[in-house]
Amino acid sequence: MVKRILVVDPYYGGSHRQWATGLKKFSRFDISIIGLPARHWKWRMHGGAITLADQFRVLDPLPDLILATDMLDVAAFLGLIRQKSDKLIPVITYFHENQSAYPKSALDTDYDHRREDHYAFINYTSALASDKLVFNSQYNKESFLSSLEKLLSRLPDCTDMNTLDVIRKKSRVIYPGIDTDIFDRQIHQPTSGMPPLVIWNHRWEYDKNPQLFFMTLEALKTEKIPFRLAVLGEGKINSPEEFRTAADTFRDRITHIGFVEDPNDYAKHLLSGDILPVTSYQDFFGISIMEAMYCGCVPMLPNRVSYPELIPDTFHETLFYQNDAEFKIKLSRLLTHPRKFARSEMHQIATRYSWKSLIGGYDELFQSMIEGNPKP
């Protein structure tokens, strides 16, 4: 009989949704999902466990494994479902992000009063309550553990630093997969004679640092360096101002601006792209980057967060920049010599992060947890 796995995600949207649906599609296990709309993230971390516990209590049959995400208050959730089951269901928590390592938003007043520590503490108690922790990058894992040490040291008493060793010992890294099927169904159409197409395919939010992205492109435009621009990704009502002015600033160069709903159209845009300048302050993995690289786009990456571990060392000198000034210099060089790298090289790097390459690691872990013999 195929074993059942239940994904429990209070913030079921964006990369969380991509990850869960990818697991469901590629895993050999029977995976079902309960989740809540991806909005009001702070309230999801507070109250999501209550609503999702209600959904759990009507399940029949029960799952053989619970796969929670870091947005769930796992300790509260398990307390609320304890009367539903007479057996202990193993629990894995997958960390797409951790609440200690996000950069400060000027719009978030919680940071002024250290209230953000509460969300990091929910991550902490969830980690303690889970049987296994999986992080989507080594950077995510290490930033979580180092920030916990700082958090616990600030608390008045009743803190046990030994819990950090407990958490580390049950932690591992498995990268999230990208579903390459949609890209494989499309054909790259070379655009000879056209200026290189620059791609933005991230969320329209402050932590992706759009200010540097658009400021640099505007400077290169002033210098008469040719390029075209496609601004993809999902925006919100309060997205940074740069996205609202881009259509006018780059009106003679923009090929598309706005969220692309149809996956086939999204794939066509990426396959038409040449260069992916990345300016993010924060990224715990980088699904949108790997999707673009799989389609042959050459990235220009800041030497920080998760990116160095994802790219082979032999490409670091040419694909990474150290500061804003170097970003402009290297991007200018890449725009004027866009064929310096083979599209096949970028494709090959990203292939290792496809679901087809990674799903075996997930399924092996699921099997070991269900059998009661968790692998390190």
Protein backbone atom coordinates (compact mmCIF):
# COMPACT_ATOMS: atom_id res chain seq x y z
CA MET A 1 0.00 0.00 0.00
CA VAL A 2 1.29 3.47 -0.91
CA LYS A 3 2.04 5.50 2.20
CA ARG A 4 0.26 8.82 2.72
CA ILE A 5 2.03 12.12 3.35
CA LEU A 6 0.21 15.28 4.37
CA VAL A 7 1.71 18.69 3.57
CA VAL A 8 0.51 21.32 6.06
CA ASP A 9 1.20 24.90 4.97
CA PRO A 10 -0.45 28.04 6.40
CA TYR A 11 1.07 30.14 3.60
CA TYR A 12 0.16 28.12 0.54
CA GLY A 13 1.24 30.27 -2.39
CA GLY A 14 4.25 31.30 -4.44
CA SER A 15 7.34 29.15 -3.95
CA HIS A 16 5.61 27.22 -1.14
CA ARG A 17 2.87 26.15 -3.54
CA GLN A 18 5.38 25.31 -6.28
CA TRP A 19 7.30 23.08 -3.88
CA ALA A 20 4.21 21.25 -2.60
CA THR A 21 2.72 20.66 -6.04
CA GLY A 22 6.12 19.51 -7.31
CA LEU A 23 6.33 16.95 -4.51
CA LYS A 24 2.84 15.77 -5.28
CA LYS A 25 3.65 15.38 -8.97
CA PHE A 26 7.03 13.66 -8.71
CA SER A 27 7.04 11.69 -5.43
CA ARG A 28 6.22 7.99 -5.36
CA PHE A 29 4.20 8.62 -2.18
CA ASP A 30 0.54 9.63 -2.01
CA ILE A 31 0.80 13.31 -1.12
CA SER A 32 -2.14 15.50 -0.14
CA ILE A 33 -2.07 19.15 0.89
CA ILE A 34 -3.96 21.30 3.36
CA GLY A 35 -3.17 24.98 3.33
CA LEU A 36 -4.38 28.54 3.69
CA PRO A 37 -4.17 31.47 1.26
CA ALA A 38 -0.77 33.17 1.09
CA ARG A 39 -1.60 36.46 2.82
CA HIS A 40 -1.29 38.01 6.31
CA TRP A 41 1.88 36.02 7.01
CA LYS A 42 2.14 37.08 10.64
CA TRP A 43 -1.40 36.02 11.37
CA ARG A 44 -0.75 32.73 9.57
CA MET A 45 2.09 32.01 11.98
CA HIS A 46 -0.16 32.82 14.94
CA GLY A 47 -3.53 31.39 13.94
CA GLY A 48 -2.87 29.07 11.02
CA ALA A 49 -2.32 26.07 13.29
CA ILE A 50 -5.86 26.36 14.68
CA THR A 51 -7.61 26.39 11.30
CA LEU A 52 -5.39 23.67 9.85
CA ALA A 53 -5.92 21.48 12.92
CA ASP A 54 -9.67 21.70 12.24
CA GLN A 55 -9.02 20.48 8.70
CA PHE A 56 -6.78 17.68 9.99
CA ARG A 57 -9.40 16.38 12.42
CA VAL A 58 -11.81 15.49 9.60
CA LEU A 59 -9.23 13.51 7.62
CA ASP A 60 -9.87 9.82 7.11
CA PRO A 61 -7.58 7.94 6.86
CA LEU A 62 -4.81 9.73 8.72
CA PRO A 63 -1.45 10.31 7.03
CA ASP A 64 1.63 8.22 7.73
CA LEU A 65 3.80 11.36 7.81
CA ILE A 66 3.15 15.06 8.39
CA LEU A 67 5.26 17.44 6.32
CA ALA A 68 4.87 20.93 7.80
CA THR A 69 6.41 24.17 6.60
CA ASP A 70 8.19 26.78 8.68
CA MET A 71 5.15 29.10 8.62
CA LEU A 72 3.26 26.63 10.83
CA ASP A 73 3.39 26.76 14.62
CA VAL A 74 4.13 23.05 14.77
CA ALA A 75 4.00 22.75 18.56
CA ALA A 76 0.53 24.32 18.66
CA PHE A 77 -0.67 22.23 15.73
CA LEU A 78 0.44 18.95 17.31
CA GLY A 79 -1.18 19.91 20.60
CA LEU A 80 -4.47 20.61 18.82
CA ILE A 81 -4.56 17.28 16.92
CA ARG A 82 -3.38 14.99 19.71
CA GLN A 83 -6.85 13.55 20.40
CA LYS A 84 -7.41 12.66 16.76
CA SER A 85 -4.80 9.92 16.58
CA ASP A 86 -3.79 7.11 18.95
CA LYS A 87 -0.43 6.80 17.20
CA LEU A 88 2.49 9.17 16.95
CA ILE A 89 2.71 10.44 13.38
CA PRO A 90 6.27 11.49 12.50
CA VAL A 91 6.70 15.16 11.62
CA ILE A 92 9.15 16.81 9.24
CA THR A 93 9.28 20.59 9.05
CA TYR A 94 10.58 22.04 5.80
CA PHE A 95 12.17 25.48 6.15
CA HIS A 96 11.59 27.55 3.01
CA GLU A 97 12.82 30.54 5.01
CA ASN A 98 13.50 31.45 8.62
CA GLN A 99 12.14 34.52 10.32
CA SER A 100 15.47 35.58 11.82
CA ALA A 101 17.31 36.23 8.59
CA TYR A 102 14.91 38.48 6.70
CA PRO A 103 16.17 42.04 6.08
CA LYS A 104 14.26 44.80 7.80
CA SER A 105 11.40 46.44 5.91
CA ALA A 106 10.91 50.15 6.52
CA LEU A 107 7.16 49.48 6.56
CA ASP A 108 7.33 46.95 9.40
CA THR A 109 7.18 48.68 12.80
CA ASP A 110 7.58 45.37 14.66
CA TYR A 111 11.32 45.64 14.12
CA ASP A 112 11.43 48.88 16.09
CA HIS A 113 10.17 47.09 19.20
CA ARG A 114 11.85 43.67 18.72
CA ARG A 115 8.45 42.05 18.24
CA GLU A 116 9.90 40.19 15.25
CA ASP A 117 11.67 37.92 17.77
CA HIS A 118 8.33 36.26 18.41
CA TYR A 119 8.19 34.82 14.89
CA ALA A 120 11.74 33.53 15.17
CA PHE A 121 10.72 31.91 18.46
CA ILE A 122 7.83 30.12 16.74
CA ASN A 123 10.38 28.73 14.29
CA TYR A 124 12.46 27.64 17.29
CA THR A 125 9.66 25.79 19.09
CA SER A 126 8.54 24.24 15.80
CA ALA A 127 12.06 22.92 15.29
CA LEU A 128 12.06 21.39 18.77
CA ALA A 129 8.64 19.81 18.27
CA SER A 130 9.54 18.23 14.90
CA ASP A 131 11.24 14.88 14.40
CA LYS A 132 13.26 16.09 11.43
CA LEU A 133 14.11 19.46 9.89
CA VAL A 134 14.88 20.01 6.23
CA PHE A 135 16.24 23.32 4.94
CA ASN A 136 16.15 24.49 1.34
CA SER A 137 19.80 25.61 1.45
CA GLN A 138 22.86 25.39 3.64
CA TYR A 139 22.65 29.16 4.02
CA ASN A 140 19.12 28.88 5.42
CA LYS A 141 20.17 26.20 7.89
CA GLU A 142 23.27 28.03 9.15
CA SER A 143 21.61 31.45 9.36
CA PHE A 144 18.78 29.91 11.37
CA LEU A 145 21.08 28.22 13.87
CA SER A 146 23.36 31.23 14.30
CA SER A 147 20.40 33.57 14.78
CA LEU A 148 18.86 31.24 17.37
CA GLU A 149 22.00 31.44 19.45
CA LYS A 150 21.73 35.24 19.45
CA LEU A 151 18.00 35.10 20.21
CA LEU A 152 18.39 32.75 23.18
CA SER A 153 21.22 34.83 24.59
CA ARG A 154 18.89 37.86 24.75
CA LEU A 155 16.17 36.09 26.74
CA PRO A 156 16.05 36.52 30.54
CA ASP A 157 16.22 32.88 31.68
CA CYS A 158 15.02 29.30 31.10
CA THR A 159 17.02 29.01 27.90
CA ASP A 160 18.99 25.88 27.07
CA MET A 161 21.76 26.36 24.52
CA ASN A 162 22.02 22.57 24.26
CA THR A 163 18.79 22.67 22.25
CA LEU A 164 20.82 24.15 19.39
CA ASP A 165 22.83 20.93 19.18
CA VAL A 166 19.60 18.94 19.24
CA ILE A 167 18.24 20.99 16.35
CA ARG A 168 21.45 20.76 14.35
CA LYS A 169 21.63 16.98 14.67
CA LYS A 170 18.16 16.50 13.22
CA SER A 171 18.67 19.04 10.42
CA ARG A 172 19.65 18.45 6.82
CA VAL A 173 19.48 20.24 3.48
CA ILE A 174 17.45 19.16 0.46
CA TYR A 175 17.05 21.78 -2.25
CA PRO A 176 13.58 22.53 -3.63
CA GLY A 177 13.03 21.19 -7.13
CA ILE A 178 12.04 23.07 -10.25
CA ASP A 179 9.48 21.52 -12.57
CA THR A 180 11.30 21.54 -15.89
CA ASP A 181 8.52 19.91 -17.92
CA ILE A 182 6.93 23.23 -18.86
CA PHE A 183 10.25 24.55 -20.20
CA ASP A 184 11.08 21.32 -22.03
CA ARG A 185 7.86 21.62 -24.04
CA GLN A 186 8.97 24.96 -25.49
CA ILE A 187 11.64 25.64 -28.09
CA HIS A 188 14.26 28.36 -27.81
CA GLN A 189 14.00 30.72 -30.75
CA PRO A 190 17.28 32.63 -31.29
CA THR A 191 16.82 36.38 -31.80
CA SER A 192 19.86 37.19 -33.92
CA GLY A 193 20.47 40.87 -34.45
CA MET A 194 18.34 41.93 -31.48
CA PRO A 195 19.80 43.52 -28.33
CA PRO A 196 20.12 41.08 -25.40
CA LEU A 197 16.94 40.59 -23.38
CA VAL A 198 17.32 41.31 -19.66
CA ILE A 199 14.93 39.38 -17.40
CA TRP A 200 13.45 40.19 -13.98
CA ASN A 201 11.37 37.21 -12.79
CA HIS A 202 11.27 37.68 -8.99
CA ARG A 203 8.63 38.99 -6.61
CA TRP A 204 8.08 42.74 -6.77
CA GLU A 205 9.22 43.34 -3.20
CA TYR A 206 11.84 45.34 -1.35
CA ASP A 207 14.01 42.35 -0.36
CA LYS A 208 14.74 41.73 -4.05
CA ASN A 209 16.38 45.18 -4.17
CA PRO A 210 14.67 46.57 -7.30
CA GLN A 211 16.21 49.98 -6.63
CA LEU A 212 19.70 48.78 -7.58
CA PHE A 213 18.36 46.76 -10.53
CA PHE A 214 16.50 49.63 -12.20
CA MET A 215 19.00 52.32 -11.21
CA THR A 216 21.82 50.36 -12.86
CA LEU A 217 19.81 49.66 -16.01
CA GLU A 218 18.90 53.35 -16.25
CA ALA A 219 22.59 54.28 -16.03
CA LEU A 220 23.46 51.77 -18.76
CA LYS A 221 20.65 53.13 -20.90
CA THR A 222 22.10 56.63 -20.51
CA GLU A 223 25.43 55.22 -21.70
CA LYS A 224 23.67 53.97 -24.85
CA ILE A 225 24.30 50.31 -24.07
CA PRO A 226 21.64 48.34 -25.97
CA PHE A 227 19.32 45.92 -24.19
CA ARG A 228 15.67 44.94 -24.04
CA LEU A 229 13.81 44.34 -20.78
CA ALA A 230 11.10 41.92 -19.62
CA VAL A 231 9.80 42.52 -16.08
CA LEU A 232 8.00 39.40 -14.93
CA GLY A 233 7.16 38.26 -11.40
CA GLU A 234 4.24 38.95 -9.11
CA GLY A 235 3.50 42.39 -7.71
CA LYS A 236 1.34 43.71 -4.89
CA ILE A 237 -0.54 46.92 -4.22
CA ASN A 238 2.36 48.22 -2.12
CA SER A 239 5.15 47.05 -4.44
CA PRO A 240 8.16 49.38 -4.59
CA GLU A 241 7.83 52.54 -6.67
CA GLU A 242 10.44 51.39 -9.19
CA PHE A 243 7.98 48.93 -10.73
CA ARG A 244 5.37 51.64 -11.27
CA THR A 245 7.82 53.91 -13.09
CA ALA A 246 9.66 51.23 -15.11
CA ALA A 247 7.15 51.24 -17.96
CA ASP A 248 7.85 54.91 -18.60
CA THR A 249 11.59 54.89 -17.87
CA PHE A 250 12.23 51.97 -20.24
CA ARG A 251 9.27 52.45 -22.60
CA ASP A 252 11.41 52.02 -25.72
CA ARG A 253 13.04 48.82 -24.39
CA ILE A 254 10.36 46.90 -22.52
CA THR A 255 8.98 43.78 -24.18
CA HIS A 256 6.72 42.87 -21.24
CA ILE A 257 5.88 44.15 -17.78
CA GLY A 258 3.58 42.38 -15.32
CA PHE A 259 2.79 38.97 -13.89
CA VAL A 260 2.52 36.17 -16.43
CA GLU A 261 -0.34 33.87 -15.43
CA ASP A 262 0.06 31.22 -18.13
CA PRO A 263 3.03 28.91 -17.41
CA ASN A 264 3.58 28.36 -21.13
CA ASP A 265 3.90 32.11 -21.71
CA TYR A 266 6.23 32.41 -18.73
CA ALA A 267 8.43 29.67 -20.21
CA LYS A 268 8.51 31.47 -23.57
CA HIS A 269 9.68 34.70 -21.92
CA LEU A 270 12.51 32.93 -20.09
CA LEU A 271 13.59 31.03 -23.18
CA SER A 272 13.77 34.34 -25.04
CA GLY A 273 15.89 35.88 -22.28
CA ASP A 274 19.65 36.33 -22.30
CA ILE A 275 20.74 37.89 -19.01
CA LEU A 276 19.35 37.71 -15.46
CA PRO A 277 20.76 40.48 -13.23
CA VAL A 278 20.02 39.59 -9.59
CA THR A 279 20.19 42.23 -6.86
CA SER A 280 18.37 40.54 -3.97
CA TYR A 281 19.25 41.27 -0.38
CA GLN A 282 17.69 37.98 0.65
CA ASP A 283 17.04 34.61 -0.93
CA PHE A 284 16.94 31.32 0.93
CA PHE A 285 17.24 29.39 -2.33
CA GLY A 286 16.40 31.03 -5.68
CA ILE A 287 13.81 29.09 -7.67
CA SER A 288 13.24 31.91 -10.16
CA ILE A 289 16.99 32.08 -10.80
CA MET A 290 17.26 28.37 -11.52
CA GLU A 291 14.22 28.50 -13.80
CA ALA A 292 15.85 31.26 -15.84
CA MET A 293 19.21 29.48 -15.93
CA TYR A 294 17.51 26.26 -17.03
CA CYS A 295 16.22 28.27 -19.99
CA GLY A 296 19.72 29.48 -20.79
CA CYS A 297 19.80 32.90 -19.14
CA VAL A 298 23.16 34.01 -17.76
CA PRO A 299 22.84 35.32 -14.19
CA MET A 300 24.77 38.16 -12.61
CA LEU A 301 24.67 37.38 -8.88
CA PRO A 302 25.61 39.11 -5.62
CA ASN A 303 28.14 37.14 -3.61
CA ARG A 304 25.84 36.54 -0.66
CA VAL A 305 23.01 34.49 0.86
CA SER A 306 22.35 31.12 -0.83
CA TYR A 307 23.82 31.89 -4.25
CA PRO A 308 27.48 30.86 -3.80
CA GLU A 309 26.52 27.32 -2.81
CA LEU A 310 24.29 26.88 -5.86
CA ILE A 311 26.81 27.81 -8.56
CA PRO A 312 29.98 25.78 -9.29
CA ASP A 313 33.16 27.48 -8.12
CA THR A 314 34.54 27.71 -11.67
CA PHE A 315 31.85 30.29 -12.52
CA HIS A 316 32.17 32.47 -9.40
CA GLU A 317 34.70 34.92 -10.78
CA THR A 318 32.58 35.82 -13.78
CA LEU A 319 29.00 35.40 -12.52
CA PHE A 320 29.34 37.03 -9.08
CA TYR A 321 29.86 40.64 -8.04
CA GLN A 322 31.02 42.02 -4.70
CA ASN A 323 29.39 45.47 -4.60
CA ASP A 324 27.12 47.85 -6.51
CA ALA A 325 29.93 49.36 -8.57
CA GLU A 326 31.17 45.97 -9.71
CA PHE A 327 27.61 44.96 -10.55
CA LYS A 328 27.37 47.79 -13.07
CA ILE A 329 30.78 47.05 -14.57
CA LYS A 330 30.16 43.33 -14.97
CA LEU A 331 26.60 43.77 -16.23
CA SER A 332 27.80 46.29 -18.83
CA ARG A 333 30.46 43.83 -19.96
CA LEU A 334 27.93 41.03 -20.19
CA LEU A 335 25.44 43.13 -22.16
CA THR A 336 28.07 44.05 -24.72
CA HIS A 337 29.31 40.45 -24.98
CA PRO A 338 26.10 38.44 -24.36
CA ARG A 339 27.35 35.26 -25.99
CA LYS A 340 30.33 34.90 -23.71
CA PHE A 341 28.66 31.97 -21.98
CA ALA A 342 26.94 29.06 -23.67
CA ARG A 343 23.26 28.69 -22.87
CA SER A 344 23.93 24.99 -22.45
CA GLU A 345 26.32 25.70 -19.54
CA MET A 346 23.62 27.58 -17.62
CA HIS A 347 21.09 24.88 -18.44
CA GLN A 348 23.40 22.19 -17.11
CA ILE A 349 23.93 23.99 -13.79
CA ALA A 350 20.18 24.32 -13.23
CA THR A 351 19.41 20.73 -14.24
CA ARG A 352 20.82 19.45 -10.96
CA TYR A 353 17.98 21.32 -9.18
CA SER A 354 15.16 19.75 -11.20
CA TRP A 355 12.59 17.63 -9.40
CA LYS A 356 13.71 14.65 -11.45
CA SER A 357 17.21 15.04 -9.98
CA LEU A 358 16.15 15.72 -6.39
CA ILE A 359 13.02 13.68 -5.72
CA GLY A 360 14.99 10.57 -4.78
CA GLY A 361 16.43 12.34 -1.74
CA TYR A 362 12.97 13.37 -0.57
CA ASP A 363 11.46 9.93 -1.03
CA GLU A 364 14.35 8.23 0.75
CA LEU A 365 13.85 10.53 3.74
CA PHE A 366 10.08 10.00 3.75
CA GLN A 367 10.53 6.24 3.70
CA SER A 368 13.02 6.28 6.57
CA MET A 369 10.76 8.49 8.71
CA ILE A 370 7.70 6.33 8.11
CA GLU A 371 9.69 3.19 8.96
CA GLY A 372 11.00 4.83 12.12
CA ASN A 373 14.64 4.86 11.03
CA PRO A 374 15.38 8.50 10.21
CA LYS A 375 18.47 9.04 8.07
CA PRO A 376 20.94 11.73 9.21
